[in-house]
Amino acid sequence: MKRLIFTLAVLGVLFTPESSEAQRYGSSELRLRMADNSVFTVIFDRKIYDVPTSLFRLSGIRAGSHRLVVKKRIGGRYGTYRTVYNGSIYIRANSVVRARINRYNRLVIKSITPVYDDGGYVDGGGYYNKPLLNLAQLQNSMRHASFENDKRIIAEQAISTHRVKANQVYRILTMFSFESTKLKVAKFAYRYCVDKRNYYLVNNAFTFSSSIRELNNYIGNYRSDYYDDDWNYYNKRDYYDDYNDGW
């Protein structure tokens, strides 16, 4: 009888709602700061995290696109909170994603560190150590985005952390409605394309010849005097940010 009671107790622990809930989530983690290290609160996938913090950490995140709202405290210790970012963030599977809201209230991905199943970090992270883009997975995430700009954020996050082929860039562009968005993403993606000689395929995504000419001019003036895929350098170059390795 005691053995039966013990067995039932164990089964009760294993199949509690908390256990089944945990199994719905993944193995990725988000670490988020403000560029000025100010205090903020977060809404992640409609769940409110209202304890003020200068470093937000959330683990057990599934891979894919997630809704992110960041509210910054304005006016000192007893100030009010104002929304400074309301958009999407793409989380890769088995990764630690370090991000910041820069001084222009834009989401900046600082680094994405793959994690082994045992919790250890994968060494390296250079260009040719990055995986090829899983186009089907990216397209699925983009379909769930409600707005054009959110689709663009998701696409650029995925492109910047993978090796991308020209025909994949073309197929990504076909998911946008506006010519201006297609052109911006095409320019962004050129840097990360592993077969730039085939980039002419991207032209098929445009409606107007003026867009093709503008992209061609951009490629003609493209500067490659630094390592094309140095993600940290790219963010330091374009945004104010004092990079901190300790978070």
Protein backbone atom coordinates (compact mmCIF):
# COMPACT_ATOMS: atom_id res chain seq x y z
CA MET A 1 0.00 0.00 0.00
CA LYS A 2 2.81 2.40 0.87
CA ARG A 3 4.51 1.58 -2.44
CA LEU A 4 1.28 2.37 -4.31
CA ILE A 5 0.91 5.72 -2.53
CA PHE A 6 4.54 6.58 -3.31
CA THR A 7 4.06 5.70 -7.00
CA LEU A 8 0.93 7.85 -7.24
CA ALA A 9 2.73 10.75 -5.58
CA VAL A 10 5.59 10.56 -8.08
CA LEU A 11 3.15 10.45 -10.99
CA GLY A 12 1.35 13.42 -9.52
CA VAL A 13 4.56 15.46 -9.55
CA LEU A 14 5.49 14.41 -13.07
CA PHE A 15 2.13 15.35 -14.55
CA THR A 16 1.38 18.58 -12.74
CA PRO A 17 0.31 21.56 -14.93
CA GLU A 18 3.67 23.22 -14.24
CA SER A 19 5.54 20.25 -15.74
CA SER A 20 3.39 20.09 -18.88
CA GLU A 21 3.64 23.86 -19.21
CA ALA A 22 7.43 23.73 -19.09
CA GLN A 23 7.49 21.19 -21.89
CA ARG A 24 5.81 23.73 -24.18
CA TYR A 25 8.87 25.95 -24.08
CA GLY A 26 12.29 25.68 -25.67
CA SER A 27 15.87 25.94 -24.53
CA SER A 28 16.80 29.48 -25.60
CA GLU A 29 17.43 32.51 -23.41
CA LEU A 30 17.01 36.27 -23.91
CA ARG A 31 19.18 38.84 -22.15
CA LEU A 32 18.07 42.42 -22.69
CA ARG A 33 19.44 45.82 -21.63
CA MET A 34 18.89 49.48 -22.46
CA ALA A 35 21.83 51.24 -24.12
CA ASP A 36 22.10 53.61 -21.14
CA ASN A 37 21.58 50.79 -18.60
CA SER A 38 18.36 52.42 -17.38
CA VAL A 39 15.52 50.58 -15.64
CA PHE A 40 12.67 49.04 -17.64
CA THR A 41 9.89 46.45 -17.61
CA VAL A 42 8.95 43.92 -20.28
CA ILE A 43 5.91 42.31 -21.85
CA PHE A 44 6.93 39.13 -23.66
CA ASP A 45 4.27 37.28 -25.66
CA ARG A 46 1.59 39.12 -23.65
CA LYS A 47 3.06 38.00 -20.33
CA ILE A 48 3.87 40.97 -18.10
CA TYR A 49 7.20 41.12 -16.27
CA ASP A 50 6.62 44.24 -14.19
CA VAL A 51 9.57 44.04 -11.77
CA PRO A 52 11.87 46.94 -12.79
CA THR A 53 15.31 45.81 -13.91
CA SER A 54 18.35 47.01 -15.81
CA LEU A 55 19.06 43.48 -17.11
CA PHE A 56 16.12 41.35 -18.20
CA ARG A 57 16.77 37.60 -18.47
CA LEU A 58 14.22 35.07 -19.63
CA SER A 59 15.01 31.40 -20.27
CA GLY A 60 13.04 28.46 -21.62
CA ILE A 61 12.01 30.32 -24.79
CA ARG A 62 10.90 28.37 -27.85
CA ALA A 63 12.45 29.16 -31.22
CA GLY A 64 10.62 31.56 -33.52
CA SER A 65 9.16 35.05 -33.55
CA HIS A 66 7.94 36.59 -30.31
CA ARG A 67 6.17 39.82 -29.41
CA LEU A 68 8.26 42.17 -27.28
CA VAL A 69 7.21 45.38 -25.53
CA VAL A 70 9.75 47.37 -23.52
CA LYS A 71 8.73 50.17 -21.14
CA LYS A 72 11.49 52.47 -19.88
CA ARG A 73 11.31 54.39 -16.61
CA ILE A 74 11.37 58.12 -17.26
CA GLY A 75 11.93 60.73 -14.57
CA GLY A 76 14.07 59.06 -11.94
CA ARG A 77 13.30 56.54 -9.24
CA TYR A 78 9.61 57.46 -8.93
CA GLY A 79 9.08 58.29 -12.59
CA THR A 80 6.56 56.85 -14.99
CA TYR A 81 7.11 54.12 -17.59
CA ARG A 82 6.93 54.87 -21.31
CA THR A 83 6.88 52.33 -24.14
CA VAL A 84 10.13 52.64 -26.10
CA TYR A 85 9.85 49.46 -28.17
CA ASN A 86 6.84 47.52 -29.41
CA GLY A 87 7.65 44.92 -32.04
CA SER A 88 8.99 41.43 -32.68
CA ILE A 89 12.15 39.55 -31.85
CA TYR A 90 13.32 36.34 -33.49
CA ILE A 91 14.81 33.75 -31.12
CA ARG A 92 16.95 30.96 -32.52
CA ALA A 93 16.72 27.48 -31.08
CA ASN A 94 19.26 26.45 -28.41
CA SER A 95 20.78 29.92 -28.16
CA VAL A 96 21.49 32.78 -25.79
CA VAL A 97 20.35 36.00 -27.47
CA ARG A 98 21.87 39.22 -26.14
CA ALA A 99 20.05 42.36 -27.24
CA ARG A 100 19.75 46.05 -26.43
CA ILE A 101 17.35 48.90 -27.07
CA ASN A 102 19.64 51.59 -28.44
CA ARG A 103 19.31 55.35 -27.96
CA TYR A 104 17.08 55.53 -31.05
CA ASN A 105 14.70 52.99 -29.42
CA ARG A 106 15.62 50.31 -31.94
CA LEU A 107 16.17 46.68 -31.04
CA VAL A 108 19.81 45.70 -31.65
CA ILE A 109 20.92 42.08 -31.49
CA LYS A 110 24.39 42.11 -29.95
CA SER A 111 25.16 38.41 -30.21
CA ILE A 112 23.59 34.99 -30.58
CA THR A 113 25.51 32.21 -28.85
CA PRO A 114 24.52 28.60 -29.67
CA VAL A 115 24.21 26.30 -26.68
CA TYR A 116 24.82 22.55 -26.55
CA ASP A 117 22.17 20.25 -25.11
CA ASP A 118 24.27 19.96 -21.95
CA GLY A 119 24.21 23.73 -21.48
CA GLY A 120 27.76 24.45 -22.68
CA TYR A 121 28.46 27.19 -25.20
CA VAL A 122 29.59 26.51 -28.73
CA ASP A 123 32.99 28.03 -29.41
CA GLY A 124 33.52 30.24 -32.39
CA GLY A 125 30.76 32.03 -34.26
CA GLY A 126 32.57 33.32 -37.32
CA TYR A 127 30.99 33.63 -40.73
CA TYR A 128 31.60 30.11 -41.99
CA ASN A 129 30.65 28.58 -38.66
CA LYS A 130 27.13 29.96 -39.03
CA PRO A 131 24.42 27.62 -40.27
CA LEU A 132 22.73 28.10 -43.61
CA LEU A 133 19.39 29.84 -43.36
CA ASN A 134 16.35 27.62 -42.84
CA LEU A 135 14.11 29.46 -45.27
CA ALA A 136 10.92 27.55 -44.50
CA GLN A 137 11.23 28.30 -40.79
CA LEU A 138 11.86 31.99 -41.45
CA GLN A 139 8.92 32.28 -43.83
CA ASN A 140 6.65 30.68 -41.25
CA SER A 141 7.71 33.24 -38.64
CA MET A 142 7.20 36.10 -41.08
CA ARG A 143 3.67 34.90 -41.91
CA HIS A 144 2.73 35.28 -38.26
CA ALA A 145 3.84 38.94 -38.20
CA SER A 146 0.99 41.43 -38.54
CA PHE A 147 2.91 44.39 -39.90
CA GLU A 148 5.40 44.95 -42.72
CA ASN A 149 8.02 46.42 -40.39
CA ASP A 150 7.78 43.44 -38.04
CA LYS A 151 8.36 41.11 -40.99
CA ARG A 152 11.41 43.16 -41.90
CA ILE A 153 12.82 42.93 -38.35
CA ILE A 154 12.36 39.15 -38.30
CA ALA A 155 13.95 38.75 -41.74
CA GLU A 156 16.97 40.91 -40.93
CA GLN A 157 17.55 39.17 -37.61
CA ALA A 158 17.57 35.78 -39.34
CA ILE A 159 19.69 36.96 -42.27
CA SER A 160 22.35 38.52 -40.04
CA THR A 161 22.90 35.31 -38.08
CA HIS A 162 23.02 32.84 -40.98
CA ARG A 163 24.75 32.22 -44.27
CA VAL A 164 22.24 33.23 -46.93
CA LYS A 165 22.06 32.40 -50.62
CA ALA A 166 20.90 34.78 -53.35
CA ASN A 167 17.87 32.69 -54.30
CA GLN A 168 16.83 32.67 -50.62
CA VAL A 169 17.01 36.46 -50.50
CA TYR A 170 14.75 36.59 -53.56
CA ARG A 171 12.16 34.36 -51.89
CA ILE A 172 12.30 36.44 -48.70
CA LEU A 173 11.64 39.63 -50.67
CA THR A 174 8.53 38.14 -52.26
CA MET A 175 6.94 38.07 -48.80
CA PHE A 176 6.92 41.88 -48.56
CA SER A 177 4.18 44.08 -49.95
CA PHE A 178 6.06 47.35 -50.42
CA GLU A 179 8.81 47.99 -52.94
CA SER A 180 10.67 50.23 -50.49
CA THR A 181 10.85 47.43 -47.89
CA LYS A 182 12.11 44.96 -50.49
CA LEU A 183 14.87 47.35 -51.47
CA LYS A 184 15.98 47.95 -47.87
CA VAL A 185 16.12 44.23 -47.11
CA ALA A 186 17.93 43.49 -50.39
CA LYS A 187 20.64 46.00 -49.49
CA PHE A 188 20.89 44.62 -45.96
CA ALA A 189 21.11 41.01 -47.13
CA TYR A 190 23.85 41.59 -49.72
CA ARG A 191 26.48 41.72 -47.02
CA TYR A 192 25.53 38.26 -45.70
CA CYS A 193 25.08 36.53 -49.06
CA VAL A 194 27.56 33.70 -49.61
CA ASP A 195 27.14 33.66 -53.41
CA LYS A 196 27.19 37.34 -54.31
CA ARG A 197 27.90 36.43 -57.94
CA ASN A 198 24.29 35.21 -58.14
CA TYR A 199 22.75 38.32 -56.60
CA TYR A 200 21.21 39.27 -59.93
CA LEU A 201 18.49 36.73 -59.06
CA VAL A 202 17.22 39.18 -56.44
CA ASN A 203 16.21 41.61 -59.21
CA ASN A 204 13.23 39.39 -60.05
CA ALA A 205 11.55 40.41 -56.78
CA PHE A 206 11.19 44.06 -57.84
CA THR A 207 8.33 45.63 -59.76
CA PHE A 208 10.11 48.82 -60.84
CA SER A 209 13.34 49.08 -62.81
CA SER A 210 14.34 52.06 -60.64
CA SER A 211 14.66 49.68 -57.68
CA ILE A 212 16.98 47.42 -59.66
CA ARG A 213 19.12 50.41 -60.62
CA GLU A 214 19.31 51.60 -57.01
CA LEU A 215 20.33 48.15 -55.77
CA ASN A 216 22.93 47.90 -58.53
CA ASN A 217 24.37 51.28 -57.52
CA TYR A 218 24.50 50.14 -53.90
CA ILE A 219 26.36 46.97 -54.84
CA GLY A 220 28.74 48.96 -57.02
CA ASN A 221 29.62 51.25 -54.10
CA TYR A 222 29.62 48.51 -51.48
CA ARG A 223 32.57 48.80 -49.12
CA SER A 224 34.17 45.55 -48.04
CA ASP A 225 37.22 46.97 -46.28
CA TYR A 226 36.23 45.22 -43.05
CA TYR A 227 35.11 41.67 -42.31
CA ASP A 228 31.64 41.52 -43.85
CA ASP A 229 30.09 39.34 -41.23
CA ASP A 230 31.56 40.88 -38.08
CA TRP A 231 28.19 41.36 -36.35
CA ASN A 232 29.54 43.10 -33.24
CA TYR A 233 31.58 45.54 -35.36
CA TYR A 234 28.51 46.30 -37.44
CA ASN A 235 26.49 47.33 -34.41
CA LYS A 236 29.32 49.31 -32.86
CA ARG A 237 29.78 51.14 -36.14
CA ASP A 238 26.13 52.07 -36.67
CA TYR A 239 24.89 52.57 -33.12
CA TYR A 240 26.06 54.00 -29.83
CA ASP A 241 26.70 51.09 -27.52
CA ASP A 242 29.34 50.30 -24.92
CA TYR A 243 29.66 46.59 -25.46
CA ASN A 244 29.75 44.59 -22.23
CA ASP A 245 31.01 41.01 -22.36
CA GLY A 246 29.80 40.26 -18.87
CA TRP A 247 26.11 39.80 -19.58
